[in-house]
Amino acid sequence: MFARSPCAREAGGRGLKASARRRHGLIAAKLAMRQGMALAEVAAVIDDADRRIRDAVPTARLVHLEPDLDRTPA
């Protein structure tokens, strides 16, 4: 559902890594970010993912998004 954020692709990230899971109003996801991204780019990716999640799952009370470095082999 939230496989990849367009903002993450544009900023060089890979969007949501692993799976976003829903449990009792909690959604947690790890966001793979390209090494060397500017803080403003990271913030934009996180904001975009949060907005998309809340639009798709209005009942979500807690959204935890963890940025991490993209360690996918090239």
C-alpha atoms as a PDB file:
ATOM      1  CA  MET A   1       0.000   0.000   0.000  1.00  0.00           C
ATOM      2  CA  PHE A   2       2.722   2.497   0.936  1.00  0.00           C
ATOM      3  CA  ALA A   3       5.523   0.859  -1.021  1.00  0.00           C
ATOM      4  CA  ARG A   4       7.218   3.957  -2.318  1.00  0.00           C
ATOM      5  CA  SER A   5       6.731   7.640  -1.821  1.00  0.00           C
ATOM      6  CA  PRO A   6       7.071   9.759  -4.994  1.00  0.00           C
ATOM      7  CA  CYS A   7       8.855  12.340  -2.860  1.00  0.00           C
ATOM      8  CA  ALA A   8      11.327   9.698  -1.696  1.00  0.00           C
ATOM      9  CA  ARG A   9      12.089   8.691  -5.275  1.00  0.00           C
ATOM     10  CA  GLU A  10      12.644  12.294  -6.304  1.00  0.00           C
ATOM     11  CA  ALA A  11      14.884  12.880  -3.297  1.00  0.00           C
ATOM     12  CA  GLY A  12      16.831   9.694  -3.954  1.00  0.00           C
ATOM     13  CA  GLY A  13      15.292   7.625  -1.182  1.00  0.00           C
ATOM     14  CA  ARG A  14      13.497   4.355  -1.753  1.00  0.00           C
ATOM     15  CA  GLY A  15      10.297   5.184   0.076  1.00  0.00           C
ATOM     16  CA  LEU A  16       9.003   2.860   2.740  1.00  0.00           C
ATOM     17  CA  LYS A  17      11.295  -0.083   3.360  1.00  0.00           C
ATOM     18  CA  ALA A  18       9.792  -3.285   4.702  1.00  0.00           C
ATOM     19  CA  SER A  19       6.082  -3.053   5.387  1.00  0.00           C
ATOM     20  CA  ALA A  20       3.854  -0.576   7.108  1.00  0.00           C
ATOM     21  CA  ARG A  21       1.697  -2.473   9.547  1.00  0.00           C
ATOM     22  CA  ARG A  22      -1.505  -1.529  11.251  1.00  0.00           C
ATOM     23  CA  ARG A  23      -2.269  -2.696  14.784  1.00  0.00           C
ATOM     24  CA  HIS A  24      -4.745  -0.998  17.099  1.00  0.00           C
ATOM     25  CA  GLY A  25      -4.374   2.398  15.455  1.00  0.00           C
ATOM     26  CA  LEU A  26      -0.570   2.185  15.235  1.00  0.00           C
ATOM     27  CA  ILE A  27       1.276   2.277  11.938  1.00  0.00           C
ATOM     28  CA  ALA A  28       5.038   1.838  11.952  1.00  0.00           C
ATOM     29  CA  ALA A  29       7.386   1.885   8.979  1.00  0.00           C
ATOM     30  CA  LYS A  30      11.081   2.245   8.238  1.00  0.00           C
ATOM     31  CA  LEU A  31      11.976   4.712   5.485  1.00  0.00           C
ATOM     32  CA  ALA A  32      15.077   3.975   3.420  1.00  0.00           C
ATOM     33  CA  MET A  33      16.977   7.185   2.679  1.00  0.00           C
ATOM     34  CA  ARG A  34      19.834   7.678   0.264  1.00  0.00           C
ATOM     35  CA  GLN A  35      23.108   8.518   1.975  1.00  0.00           C
ATOM     36  CA  GLY A  36      23.959  12.213   1.785  1.00  0.00           C
ATOM     37  CA  MET A  37      20.372  13.497   1.635  1.00  0.00           C
ATOM     38  CA  ALA A  38      19.895  16.975   3.022  1.00  0.00           C
ATOM     39  CA  LEU A  39      17.889  17.237   6.235  1.00  0.00           C
ATOM     40  CA  ALA A  40      15.173  19.171   4.391  1.00  0.00           C
ATOM     41  CA  GLU A  41      14.829  16.297   1.888  1.00  0.00           C
ATOM     42  CA  VAL A  42      14.544  13.745   4.710  1.00  0.00           C
ATOM     43  CA  ALA A  43      11.890  15.873   6.410  1.00  0.00           C
ATOM     44  CA  ALA A  44       9.942  16.155   3.122  1.00  0.00           C
ATOM     45  CA  VAL A  45       9.974  12.366   2.652  1.00  0.00           C
ATOM     46  CA  ILE A  46       8.765  11.800   6.217  1.00  0.00           C
ATOM     47  CA  ASP A  47       6.040  14.472   5.902  1.00  0.00           C
ATOM     48  CA  ASP A  48       4.860  13.004   2.582  1.00  0.00           C
ATOM     49  CA  ALA A  49       4.716   9.456   3.981  1.00  0.00           C
ATOM     50  CA  ASP A  50       2.853  10.647   7.090  1.00  0.00           C
ATOM     51  CA  ARG A  51       0.295  12.549   4.996  1.00  0.00           C
ATOM     52  CA  ARG A  52      -0.279   9.577   2.660  1.00  0.00           C
ATOM     53  CA  ILE A  53      -0.709   7.178   5.573  1.00  0.00           C
ATOM     54  CA  ARG A  54      -3.185   9.434   7.374  1.00  0.00           C
ATOM     55  CA  ASP A  55      -5.147   9.982   4.133  1.00  0.00           C
ATOM     56  CA  ALA A  56      -5.378   6.223   3.549  1.00  0.00           C
ATOM     57  CA  VAL A  57      -5.972   5.230   7.187  1.00  0.00           C
ATOM     58  CA  PRO A  58      -7.922   8.010   8.904  1.00  0.00           C
ATOM     59  CA  THR A  59      -8.303   5.903  12.064  1.00  0.00           C
ATOM     60  CA  ALA A  60      -4.534   5.779  12.624  1.00  0.00           C
ATOM     61  CA  ARG A  61      -3.854   7.349  15.994  1.00  0.00           C
ATOM     62  CA  LEU A  62      -0.103   6.856  16.099  1.00  0.00           C
ATOM     63  CA  VAL A  63       2.252   6.909  13.126  1.00  0.00           C
ATOM     64  CA  HIS A  64       5.900   6.043  13.732  1.00  0.00           C
ATOM     65  CA  LEU A  65       8.236   6.577  10.791  1.00  0.00           C
ATOM     66  CA  GLU A  66      11.877   5.664  11.258  1.00  0.00           C
ATOM     67  CA  PRO A  67      14.383   7.011   8.737  1.00  0.00           C
ATOM     68  CA  ASP A  68      17.321   4.723   7.974  1.00  0.00           C
ATOM     69  CA  LEU A  69      20.031   4.526   5.350  1.00  0.00           C
ATOM     70  CA  ASP A  70      19.165   2.563   2.226  1.00  0.00           C
ATOM     71  CA  ARG A  71      21.393  -0.505   2.382  1.00  0.00           C
ATOM     72  CA  THR A  72      19.992  -2.155  -0.740  1.00  0.00           C
ATOM     73  CA  PRO A  73      22.893  -3.442  -2.903  1.00  0.00           C
ATOM     74  CA  ALA A  74      23.243  -1.403  -6.079  1.00  0.00           C
END
